[in-house]
């Protein structure tokens, strides 16, 4: 069944270039009305210009679609509220939010200024919180919403020189995990995209031979699946170069130590057994971990 977004209104942040541009254009191509948001700054977040967002919106309209331009800084909640208000005034609803805006300020942690740590958190994590908060009640009241966070392998697995970026991206997974629970009864589904693509944020990091495979459109195919009407919920979808996979956070079965044996020495001695992945489970709510541990203790 073909996925389309006719009569849907989508906000895409960081939509002036790279993945965001690809997301916005493809959503519009499939019928969505799109708020094209981009501060228009450099990859490190400095500067600003409406030109990139205007170019994308113009391309959408030239193809018969509907779009409005926003230069809102996602780290500023007042600006985000105004952006959402403009979408509501024009179209009366917001169905899809793609939290894609991001910057990079890479350095090893020992050399990283805390200001560079904070500003990356402000854009990636707080920016996504701001945008999500601004649309949440709208989606709840209309009993429909699709929200995509943009996480990263750096957040899930680590990457040298990206403590700030990785912390923000991991935080977005935690945000998703709770919001998908709170939004479920209102048909608000929250997922996360972990992309691999050649954009200005990956310049110099990927060998030339691989660049032709790492197209933004290959990632956008995954994104559109995450915000479709029949999308999954609470899914971390990894996408790039035509590859699609799901990251799943699991917990090992672990062990139980009775009170008299609960020492760091015994924990260390059992680390191999604690780490054994046989029988590992995916939990979808935090209390399941408590149930598991208390259940083990009560069996003895």
C-alpha atoms as a PDB file:
ATOM      1  CA  UNK A   1       0.000   0.000   0.000  1.00  0.00           C
ATOM      2  CA  UNK A   2       1.454   3.336  -1.039  1.00  0.00           C
ATOM      3  CA  UNK A   3       2.300   5.703   1.780  1.00  0.00           C
ATOM      4  CA  UNK A   4       0.932   9.175   1.268  1.00  0.00           C
ATOM      5  CA  UNK A   5       0.480  12.260   3.406  1.00  0.00           C
ATOM      6  CA  UNK A   6      -2.476  13.942   1.732  1.00  0.00           C
ATOM      7  CA  UNK A   7      -4.112  16.478   4.068  1.00  0.00           C
ATOM      8  CA  UNK A   8      -1.316  16.032   6.622  1.00  0.00           C
ATOM      9  CA  UNK A   9       0.713  18.960   7.965  1.00  0.00           C
ATOM     10  CA  UNK A  10       4.372  18.330   8.727  1.00  0.00           C
ATOM     11  CA  UNK A  11       7.045  20.396  10.468  1.00  0.00           C
ATOM     12  CA  UNK A  12      10.608  19.501   9.514  1.00  0.00           C
ATOM     13  CA  UNK A  13      13.399  21.212  11.445  1.00  0.00           C
ATOM     14  CA  UNK A  14      16.803  21.687   9.887  1.00  0.00           C
ATOM     15  CA  UNK A  15      15.095  21.364   6.510  1.00  0.00           C
ATOM     16  CA  UNK A  16      17.255  23.772   4.544  1.00  0.00           C
ATOM     17  CA  UNK A  17      19.915  21.237   3.572  1.00  0.00           C
ATOM     18  CA  UNK A  18      20.976  17.608   3.778  1.00  0.00           C
ATOM     19  CA  UNK A  19      18.616  15.117   5.355  1.00  0.00           C
ATOM     20  CA  UNK A  20      16.063  17.710   6.415  1.00  0.00           C
ATOM     21  CA  UNK A  21      15.787  19.031   2.881  1.00  0.00           C
ATOM     22  CA  UNK A  22      15.310  15.496   1.582  1.00  0.00           C
ATOM     23  CA  UNK A  23      12.654  14.768   4.236  1.00  0.00           C
ATOM     24  CA  UNK A  24      10.730  17.962   3.477  1.00  0.00           C
ATOM     25  CA  UNK A  25      10.754  17.492  -0.276  1.00  0.00           C
ATOM     26  CA  UNK A  26       9.631  13.877  -0.110  1.00  0.00           C
ATOM     27  CA  UNK A  27       6.875  14.578   2.415  1.00  0.00           C
ATOM     28  CA  UNK A  28       5.593  17.324   0.131  1.00  0.00           C
ATOM     29  CA  UNK A  29       5.893  15.100  -2.926  1.00  0.00           C
ATOM     30  CA  UNK A  30       3.583  12.652  -1.180  1.00  0.00           C
ATOM     31  CA  UNK A  31       0.999  15.286  -0.346  1.00  0.00           C
ATOM     32  CA  UNK A  32       2.013  16.867   2.967  1.00  0.00           C
ATOM     33  CA  UNK A  33       1.848  20.565   3.657  1.00  0.00           C
ATOM     34  CA  UNK A  34       5.276  21.383   5.055  1.00  0.00           C
ATOM     35  CA  UNK A  35       6.744  23.908   7.451  1.00  0.00           C
ATOM     36  CA  UNK A  36      10.324  24.191   6.234  1.00  0.00           C
ATOM     37  CA  UNK A  37      12.309  25.227   9.296  1.00  0.00           C
ATOM     38  CA  UNK A  38      15.983  26.141   9.214  1.00  0.00           C
ATOM     39  CA  UNK A  39      18.011  28.719  11.087  1.00  0.00           C
ATOM     40  CA  UNK A  40      20.357  28.724   8.112  1.00  0.00           C
ATOM     41  CA  UNK A  41      23.565  28.706  10.110  1.00  0.00           C
ATOM     42  CA  UNK A  42      26.854  26.905   9.562  1.00  0.00           C
ATOM     43  CA  UNK A  43      27.362  23.292  10.622  1.00  0.00           C
ATOM     44  CA  UNK A  44      28.587  24.516  14.020  1.00  0.00           C
ATOM     45  CA  UNK A  45      25.426  26.583  14.512  1.00  0.00           C
ATOM     46  CA  UNK A  46      26.934  30.000  13.929  1.00  0.00           C
ATOM     47  CA  UNK A  47      25.346  32.562  11.637  1.00  0.00           C
ATOM     48  CA  UNK A  48      21.917  32.405  10.088  1.00  0.00           C
ATOM     49  CA  UNK A  49      19.997  32.923   6.864  1.00  0.00           C
ATOM     50  CA  UNK A  50      16.489  32.218   5.613  1.00  0.00           C
ATOM     51  CA  UNK A  51      17.784  31.452   2.121  1.00  0.00           C
ATOM     52  CA  UNK A  52      18.191  27.649   2.511  1.00  0.00           C
ATOM     53  CA  UNK A  53      14.653  27.217   3.885  1.00  0.00           C
ATOM     54  CA  UNK A  54      13.233  29.563   1.260  1.00  0.00           C
ATOM     55  CA  UNK A  55      14.882  27.566  -1.523  1.00  0.00           C
ATOM     56  CA  UNK A  56      13.351  24.320  -0.267  1.00  0.00           C
ATOM     57  CA  UNK A  57       9.908  25.879   0.190  1.00  0.00           C
ATOM     58  CA  UNK A  58      10.125  27.342  -3.299  1.00  0.00           C
ATOM     59  CA  UNK A  59      10.987  23.933  -4.739  1.00  0.00           C
ATOM     60  CA  UNK A  60       7.952  22.437  -3.002  1.00  0.00           C
ATOM     61  CA  UNK A  61       5.618  25.128  -4.313  1.00  0.00           C
ATOM     62  CA  UNK A  62       7.014  24.907  -7.833  1.00  0.00           C
ATOM     63  CA  UNK A  63       6.021  21.245  -7.777  1.00  0.00           C
ATOM     64  CA  UNK A  64       2.463  22.129  -6.777  1.00  0.00           C
ATOM     65  CA  UNK A  65       2.858  21.621  -3.049  1.00  0.00           C
ATOM     66  CA  UNK A  66       2.208  23.876  -0.071  1.00  0.00           C
ATOM     67  CA  UNK A  67       4.942  25.145   2.231  1.00  0.00           C
ATOM     68  CA  UNK A  68       5.782  27.931   4.629  1.00  0.00           C
ATOM     69  CA  UNK A  69       9.226  29.050   5.741  1.00  0.00           C
ATOM     70  CA  UNK A  70      10.431  29.303   9.319  1.00  0.00           C
ATOM     71  CA  UNK A  71      13.762  30.602  10.549  1.00  0.00           C
ATOM     72  CA  UNK A  72      12.970  29.711  14.166  1.00  0.00           C
ATOM     73  CA  UNK A  73      15.836  28.679  16.407  1.00  0.00           C
ATOM     74  CA  UNK A  74      14.640  25.376  17.884  1.00  0.00           C
ATOM     75  CA  UNK A  75      16.606  26.095  21.072  1.00  0.00           C
ATOM     76  CA  UNK A  76      14.316  29.094  21.734  1.00  0.00           C
ATOM     77  CA  UNK A  77      10.860  27.943  22.858  1.00  0.00           C
ATOM     78  CA  UNK A  78       9.238  31.282  22.085  1.00  0.00           C
ATOM     79  CA  UNK A  79      10.378  31.066  18.470  1.00  0.00           C
ATOM     80  CA  UNK A  80       9.199  27.468  18.239  1.00  0.00           C
ATOM     81  CA  UNK A  81       5.758  28.404  19.604  1.00  0.00           C
ATOM     82  CA  UNK A  82       5.480  31.132  16.983  1.00  0.00           C
ATOM     83  CA  UNK A  83       6.413  28.657  14.232  1.00  0.00           C
ATOM     84  CA  UNK A  84       3.753  26.186  15.362  1.00  0.00           C
ATOM     85  CA  UNK A  85       1.248  29.006  15.704  1.00  0.00           C
ATOM     86  CA  UNK A  86       1.848  30.024  12.103  1.00  0.00           C
ATOM     87  CA  UNK A  87       1.223  26.463  10.929  1.00  0.00           C
ATOM     88  CA  UNK A  88      -1.993  26.315  12.940  1.00  0.00           C
ATOM     89  CA  UNK A  89      -3.176  29.665  11.594  1.00  0.00           C
ATOM     90  CA  UNK A  90      -2.580  28.574   8.016  1.00  0.00           C
ATOM     91  CA  UNK A  91      -3.607  24.911   8.099  1.00  0.00           C
ATOM     92  CA  UNK A  92      -5.373  24.304  11.424  1.00  0.00           C
ATOM     93  CA  UNK A  93      -3.438  21.217  12.487  1.00  0.00           C
ATOM     94  CA  UNK A  94      -0.011  19.620  12.870  1.00  0.00           C
ATOM     95  CA  UNK A  95       0.204  15.897  12.162  1.00  0.00           C
ATOM     96  CA  UNK A  96       3.917  15.221  11.801  1.00  0.00           C
ATOM     97  CA  UNK A  97       7.012  16.569  13.525  1.00  0.00           C
ATOM     98  CA  UNK A  98      10.462  15.642  12.278  1.00  0.00           C
ATOM     99  CA  UNK A  99      13.080  16.738  14.798  1.00  0.00           C
ATOM    100  CA  UNK A 100      16.083  16.905  12.500  1.00  0.00           C
ATOM    101  CA  UNK A 101      17.884  20.174  13.314  1.00  0.00           C
ATOM    102  CA  UNK A 102      21.409  19.709  14.571  1.00  0.00           C
ATOM    103  CA  UNK A 103      24.922  21.087  14.782  1.00  0.00           C
ATOM    104  CA  UNK A 104      28.397  19.696  15.413  1.00  0.00           C
ATOM    105  CA  UNK A 105      31.163  20.984  17.651  1.00  0.00           C
ATOM    106  CA  UNK A 106      33.488  17.997  17.785  1.00  0.00           C
ATOM    107  CA  UNK A 107      36.508  17.854  20.090  1.00  0.00           C
ATOM    108  CA  UNK A 108      37.930  15.329  22.485  1.00  0.00           C
ATOM    109  CA  UNK A 109      36.311  15.759  25.889  1.00  0.00           C
ATOM    110  CA  UNK A 110      39.510  16.991  27.530  1.00  0.00           C
ATOM    111  CA  UNK A 111      39.718  19.837  24.987  1.00  0.00           C
ATOM    112  CA  UNK A 112      36.007  20.612  24.788  1.00  0.00           C
ATOM    113  CA  UNK A 113      34.754  23.896  26.191  1.00  0.00           C
ATOM    114  CA  UNK A 114      31.623  23.355  28.263  1.00  0.00           C
ATOM    115  CA  UNK A 115      29.904  26.041  26.186  1.00  0.00           C
ATOM    116  CA  UNK A 116      30.349  23.805  23.144  1.00  0.00           C
ATOM    117  CA  UNK A 117      28.880  20.904  25.114  1.00  0.00           C
ATOM    118  CA  UNK A 118      25.870  22.943  26.164  1.00  0.00           C
ATOM    119  CA  UNK A 119      25.059  24.471  22.792  1.00  0.00           C
ATOM    120  CA  UNK A 120      25.003  21.047  21.123  1.00  0.00           C
ATOM    121  CA  UNK A 121      22.667  19.793  23.852  1.00  0.00           C
ATOM    122  CA  UNK A 122      20.525  22.908  23.398  1.00  0.00           C
ATOM    123  CA  UNK A 123      19.998  22.311  19.686  1.00  0.00           C
ATOM    124  CA  UNK A 124      19.689  18.534  19.483  1.00  0.00           C
ATOM    125  CA  UNK A 125      18.022  17.601  22.768  1.00  0.00           C
ATOM    126  CA  UNK A 126      16.364  20.748  24.093  1.00  0.00           C
ATOM    127  CA  UNK A 127      15.432  21.776  20.551  1.00  0.00           C
ATOM    128  CA  UNK A 128      13.601  18.489  20.058  1.00  0.00           C
ATOM    129  CA  UNK A 129      11.935  18.883  23.461  1.00  0.00           C
ATOM    130  CA  UNK A 130      10.813  22.413  22.555  1.00  0.00           C
ATOM    131  CA  UNK A 131       9.325  21.401  19.216  1.00  0.00           C
ATOM    132  CA  UNK A 132       7.645  18.324  20.666  1.00  0.00           C
ATOM    133  CA  UNK A 133       6.200  20.271  23.587  1.00  0.00           C
ATOM    134  CA  UNK A 134       4.824  22.916  21.222  1.00  0.00           C
ATOM    135  CA  UNK A 135       2.869  20.350  19.166  1.00  0.00           C
ATOM    136  CA  UNK A 136       2.000  17.818  21.871  1.00  0.00           C
ATOM    137  CA  UNK A 137      -1.345  19.261  23.003  1.00  0.00           C
ATOM    138  CA  UNK A 138      -2.354  19.877  19.394  1.00  0.00           C
ATOM    139  CA  UNK A 139      -1.701  16.235  18.552  1.00  0.00           C
ATOM    140  CA  UNK A 140      -3.436  15.075  21.730  1.00  0.00           C
ATOM    141  CA  UNK A 141      -6.538  17.156  21.006  1.00  0.00           C
ATOM    142  CA  UNK A 142      -6.775  15.911  17.410  1.00  0.00           C
ATOM    143  CA  UNK A 143      -6.003  12.328  18.572  1.00  0.00           C
ATOM    144  CA  UNK A 144      -3.274  11.904  15.986  1.00  0.00           C
ATOM    145  CA  UNK A 145       0.429  12.603  15.780  1.00  0.00           C
ATOM    146  CA  UNK A 146       3.648  11.190  14.399  1.00  0.00           C
ATOM    147  CA  UNK A 147       6.955  12.374  15.849  1.00  0.00           C
ATOM    148  CA  UNK A 148      10.428  11.364  14.724  1.00  0.00           C
ATOM    149  CA  UNK A 149      13.528  12.073  16.790  1.00  0.00           C
ATOM    150  CA  UNK A 150      16.888  11.966  15.060  1.00  0.00           C
ATOM    151  CA  UNK A 151      19.337   9.923  17.105  1.00  0.00           C
ATOM    152  CA  UNK A 152      22.742   8.630  16.036  1.00  0.00           C
ATOM    153  CA  UNK A 153      25.126   5.711  16.285  1.00  0.00           C
ATOM    154  CA  UNK A 154      27.334   8.155  18.218  1.00  0.00           C
ATOM    155  CA  UNK A 155      24.700   8.278  20.938  1.00  0.00           C
ATOM    156  CA  UNK A 156      23.998   4.563  21.000  1.00  0.00           C
ATOM    157  CA  UNK A 157      27.530   3.243  20.557  1.00  0.00           C
ATOM    158  CA  UNK A 158      29.919   6.170  21.049  1.00  0.00           C
ATOM    159  CA  UNK A 159      32.281   8.054  18.763  1.00  0.00           C
ATOM    160  CA  UNK A 160      35.587   9.710  19.614  1.00  0.00           C
ATOM    161  CA  UNK A 161      35.323  13.487  19.880  1.00  0.00           C
ATOM    162  CA  UNK A 162      31.535  13.559  20.154  1.00  0.00           C
ATOM    163  CA  UNK A 163      30.751  13.474  23.868  1.00  0.00           C
ATOM    164  CA  UNK A 164      28.362  16.422  23.465  1.00  0.00           C
ATOM    165  CA  UNK A 165      26.675  15.102  20.336  1.00  0.00           C
ATOM    166  CA  UNK A 166      26.515  11.539  21.662  1.00  0.00           C
ATOM    167  CA  UNK A 167      24.995  12.611  24.981  1.00  0.00           C
ATOM    168  CA  UNK A 168      22.320  14.627  23.183  1.00  0.00           C
ATOM    169  CA  UNK A 169      21.517  11.824  20.758  1.00  0.00           C
ATOM    170  CA  UNK A 170      21.277   9.237  23.543  1.00  0.00           C
ATOM    171  CA  UNK A 171      18.987  11.601  25.431  1.00  0.00           C
ATOM    172  CA  UNK A 172      16.600  11.612  22.478  1.00  0.00           C
ATOM    173  CA  UNK A 173      16.176   7.842  22.800  1.00  0.00           C
ATOM    174  CA  UNK A 174      15.205   8.307  26.442  1.00  0.00           C
ATOM    175  CA  UNK A 175      12.764  11.031  25.457  1.00  0.00           C
ATOM    176  CA  UNK A 176      11.206   8.764  22.840  1.00  0.00           C
ATOM    177  CA  UNK A 177      10.882   5.879  25.289  1.00  0.00           C
ATOM    178  CA  UNK A 178       8.677   7.879  27.632  1.00  0.00           C
ATOM    179  CA  UNK A 179       6.710   9.940  25.119  1.00  0.00           C
ATOM    180  CA  UNK A 180       5.599   6.891  23.161  1.00  0.00           C
ATOM    181  CA  UNK A 181       4.025   5.573  26.368  1.00  0.00           C
ATOM    182  CA  UNK A 182       2.325   8.865  27.234  1.00  0.00           C
ATOM    183  CA  UNK A 183       1.091   9.440  23.698  1.00  0.00           C
ATOM    184  CA  UNK A 184      -0.209   5.956  22.916  1.00  0.00           C
ATOM    185  CA  UNK A 185      -3.831   6.508  23.934  1.00  0.00           C
ATOM    186  CA  UNK A 186      -3.995   9.617  21.742  1.00  0.00           C
ATOM    187  CA  UNK A 187      -2.513   7.811  18.723  1.00  0.00           C
ATOM    188  CA  UNK A 188       0.679   9.853  19.039  1.00  0.00           C
ATOM    189  CA  UNK A 189       3.492   7.569  17.931  1.00  0.00           C
ATOM    190  CA  UNK A 190       7.101   8.472  18.639  1.00  0.00           C
ATOM    191  CA  UNK A 191      10.054   6.868  16.884  1.00  0.00           C
ATOM    192  CA  UNK A 192      13.725   7.610  16.309  1.00  0.00           C
ATOM    193  CA  UNK A 193      15.768   7.636  13.134  1.00  0.00           C
ATOM    194  CA  UNK A 194      19.483   6.850  13.236  1.00  0.00           C
ATOM    195  CA  UNK A 195      20.793   8.028   9.862  1.00  0.00           C
ATOM    196  CA  UNK A 196      23.948   7.487   7.880  1.00  0.00           C
ATOM    197  CA  UNK A 197      24.207   9.887   4.960  1.00  0.00           C
ATOM    198  CA  UNK A 198      26.640  12.182   3.217  1.00  0.00           C
ATOM    199  CA  UNK A 199      25.748  15.686   4.331  1.00  0.00           C
ATOM    200  CA  UNK A 200      27.772  18.718   5.343  1.00  0.00           C
ATOM    201  CA  UNK A 201      27.900  17.285   8.867  1.00  0.00           C
ATOM    202  CA  UNK A 202      29.831  14.253   7.603  1.00  0.00           C
ATOM    203  CA  UNK A 203      32.262  16.146   5.339  1.00  0.00           C
ATOM    204  CA  UNK A 204      35.742  14.687   5.678  1.00  0.00           C
ATOM    205  CA  UNK A 205      34.580  11.786   7.845  1.00  0.00           C
ATOM    206  CA  UNK A 206      33.621   9.273   5.146  1.00  0.00           C
ATOM    207  CA  UNK A 207      35.827   7.898   2.315  1.00  0.00           C
ATOM    208  CA  UNK A 208      35.032   9.262  -1.129  1.00  0.00           C
ATOM    209  CA  UNK A 209      34.253   5.797  -2.524  1.00  0.00           C
ATOM    210  CA  UNK A 210      31.389   5.379  -0.061  1.00  0.00           C
ATOM    211  CA  UNK A 211      29.812   8.767  -0.555  1.00  0.00           C
ATOM    212  CA  UNK A 212      27.777   7.885  -3.649  1.00  0.00           C
ATOM    213  CA  UNK A 213      25.970   5.181  -1.687  1.00  0.00           C
ATOM    214  CA  UNK A 214      25.197   7.400   1.284  1.00  0.00           C
ATOM    215  CA  UNK A 215      22.355   9.388  -0.205  1.00  0.00           C
ATOM    216  CA  UNK A 216      19.921  11.452   1.884  1.00  0.00           C
ATOM    217  CA  UNK A 217      17.005   9.882  -0.001  1.00  0.00           C
ATOM    218  CA  UNK A 218      17.977   6.412   1.250  1.00  0.00           C
ATOM    219  CA  UNK A 219      17.566   7.725   4.797  1.00  0.00           C
ATOM    220  CA  UNK A 220      14.361   9.595   3.991  1.00  0.00           C
ATOM    221  CA  UNK A 221      12.717   6.327   2.915  1.00  0.00           C
ATOM    222  CA  UNK A 222      13.128   5.158   6.511  1.00  0.00           C
ATOM    223  CA  UNK A 223      11.959   8.460   7.950  1.00  0.00           C
ATOM    224  CA  UNK A 224       8.725   8.411   5.984  1.00  0.00           C
ATOM    225  CA  UNK A 225       7.974   4.920   7.273  1.00  0.00           C
ATOM    226  CA  UNK A 226       8.360   6.216  10.843  1.00  0.00           C
ATOM    227  CA  UNK A 227       5.836   9.036  10.359  1.00  0.00           C
ATOM    228  CA  UNK A 228       3.298   7.216   8.192  1.00  0.00           C
ATOM    229  CA  UNK A 229      -0.242   6.559   9.404  1.00  0.00           C
ATOM    230  CA  UNK A 230       0.557   2.872  10.021  1.00  0.00           C
ATOM    231  CA  UNK A 231       3.986   3.603  11.493  1.00  0.00           C
ATOM    232  CA  UNK A 232       5.481   1.574  14.312  1.00  0.00           C
ATOM    233  CA  UNK A 233       5.866   3.047  17.802  1.00  0.00           C
ATOM    234  CA  UNK A 234       9.023   3.175  19.937  1.00  0.00           C
ATOM    235  CA  UNK A 235      11.295   2.039  17.117  1.00  0.00           C
ATOM    236  CA  UNK A 236      14.896   3.092  16.555  1.00  0.00           C
ATOM    237  CA  UNK A 237      15.324   2.674  12.814  1.00  0.00           C
ATOM    238  CA  UNK A 238      18.853   2.812  11.425  1.00  0.00           C
ATOM    239  CA  UNK A 239      19.040   3.799   7.754  1.00  0.00           C
ATOM    240  CA  UNK A 240      21.722   4.515   5.206  1.00  0.00           C
ATOM    241  CA  UNK A 241      23.153   3.412   1.852  1.00  0.00           C
ATOM    242  CA  UNK A 242      20.115   1.205   1.311  1.00  0.00           C
ATOM    243  CA  UNK A 243      20.542  -0.610   4.615  1.00  0.00           C
ATOM    244  CA  UNK A 244      17.771  -0.627   7.214  1.00  0.00           C
ATOM    245  CA  UNK A 245      18.002  -2.138  10.690  1.00  0.00           C
ATOM    246  CA  UNK A 246      16.511  -1.692  14.137  1.00  0.00           C
ATOM    247  CA  UNK A 247      18.504  -0.956  17.253  1.00  0.00           C
ATOM    248  CA  UNK A 248      17.034  -2.753  20.255  1.00  0.00           C
ATOM    249  CA  UNK A 249      18.047  -2.060  23.854  1.00  0.00           C
ATOM    250  CA  UNK A 250      17.985  -5.295  25.807  1.00  0.00           C
ATOM    251  CA  UNK A 251      18.785  -6.354  29.350  1.00  0.00           C
ATOM    252  CA  UNK A 252      20.508  -9.607  30.244  1.00  0.00           C
ATOM    253  CA  UNK A 253      18.851 -12.094  32.562  1.00  0.00           C
ATOM    254  CA  UNK A 254      21.528 -11.401  35.153  1.00  0.00           C
ATOM    255  CA  UNK A 255      21.935 -13.044  38.544  1.00  0.00           C
ATOM    256  CA  UNK A 256      20.604 -12.817  42.080  1.00  0.00           C
ATOM    257  CA  UNK A 257      22.829 -12.496  45.142  1.00  0.00           C
ATOM    258  CA  UNK A 258      21.293 -12.992  48.608  1.00  0.00           C
ATOM    259  CA  UNK A 259      21.842 -10.175  51.135  1.00  0.00           C
ATOM    260  CA  UNK A 260      24.888 -11.721  52.769  1.00  0.00           C
ATOM    261  CA  UNK A 261      26.593 -12.088  49.382  1.00  0.00           C
ATOM    262  CA  UNK A 262      25.843  -8.614  47.955  1.00  0.00           C
ATOM    263  CA  UNK A 263      29.439  -7.413  47.834  1.00  0.00           C
ATOM    264  CA  UNK A 264      31.383  -5.728  45.041  1.00  0.00           C
ATOM    265  CA  UNK A 265      33.750  -8.696  44.988  1.00  0.00           C
ATOM    266  CA  UNK A 266      30.909 -11.111  44.254  1.00  0.00           C
ATOM    267  CA  UNK A 267      29.476  -8.798  41.607  1.00  0.00           C
ATOM    268  CA  UNK A 268      32.873  -8.590  39.926  1.00  0.00           C
ATOM    269  CA  UNK A 269      33.366 -12.356  40.133  1.00  0.00           C
ATOM    270  CA  UNK A 270      29.991 -12.918  38.438  1.00  0.00           C
ATOM    271  CA  UNK A 271      30.483 -10.311  35.698  1.00  0.00           C
ATOM    272  CA  UNK A 272      30.736 -12.902  32.924  1.00  0.00           C
ATOM    273  CA  UNK A 273      27.425 -14.452  33.961  1.00  0.00           C
ATOM    274  CA  UNK A 274      25.849 -11.027  34.431  1.00  0.00           C
ATOM    275  CA  UNK A 275      26.927 -10.137  30.882  1.00  0.00           C
ATOM    276  CA  UNK A 276      25.659 -13.359  29.269  1.00  0.00           C
ATOM    277  CA  UNK A 277      23.192 -12.278  26.570  1.00  0.00           C
ATOM    278  CA  UNK A 278      21.327 -15.577  26.403  1.00  0.00           C
ATOM    279  CA  UNK A 279      17.729 -14.891  27.380  1.00  0.00           C
ATOM    280  CA  UNK A 280      18.150 -11.107  27.175  1.00  0.00           C
ATOM    281  CA  UNK A 281      14.869  -9.203  26.989  1.00  0.00           C
ATOM    282  CA  UNK A 282      13.657  -5.955  25.467  1.00  0.00           C
ATOM    283  CA  UNK A 283      11.729  -3.970  28.058  1.00  0.00           C
ATOM    284  CA  UNK A 284       9.219  -1.342  26.989  1.00  0.00           C
ATOM    285  CA  UNK A 285       8.648   0.243  30.412  1.00  0.00           C
ATOM    286  CA  UNK A 286      11.050   0.868  33.284  1.00  0.00           C
ATOM    287  CA  UNK A 287       9.040  -1.009  35.909  1.00  0.00           C
ATOM    288  CA  UNK A 288       9.676  -4.275  34.054  1.00  0.00           C
ATOM    289  CA  UNK A 289      13.255  -4.200  35.291  1.00  0.00           C
ATOM    290  CA  UNK A 290      12.052  -3.763  38.875  1.00  0.00           C
ATOM    291  CA  UNK A 291       9.614  -6.644  38.434  1.00  0.00           C
ATOM    292  CA  UNK A 292      12.421  -8.872  37.182  1.00  0.00           C
ATOM    293  CA  UNK A 293      14.795  -8.153  40.057  1.00  0.00           C
ATOM    294  CA  UNK A 294      12.132  -8.315  42.758  1.00  0.00           C
ATOM    295  CA  UNK A 295      10.800 -11.519  41.208  1.00  0.00           C
ATOM    296  CA  UNK A 296      14.247 -13.119  41.393  1.00  0.00           C
ATOM    297  CA  UNK A 297      14.647 -12.078  45.020  1.00  0.00           C
ATOM    298  CA  UNK A 298      11.232 -13.403  46.052  1.00  0.00           C
ATOM    299  CA  UNK A 299      11.917 -16.812  44.504  1.00  0.00           C
ATOM    300  CA  UNK A 300      14.692 -17.500  46.989  1.00  0.00           C
END
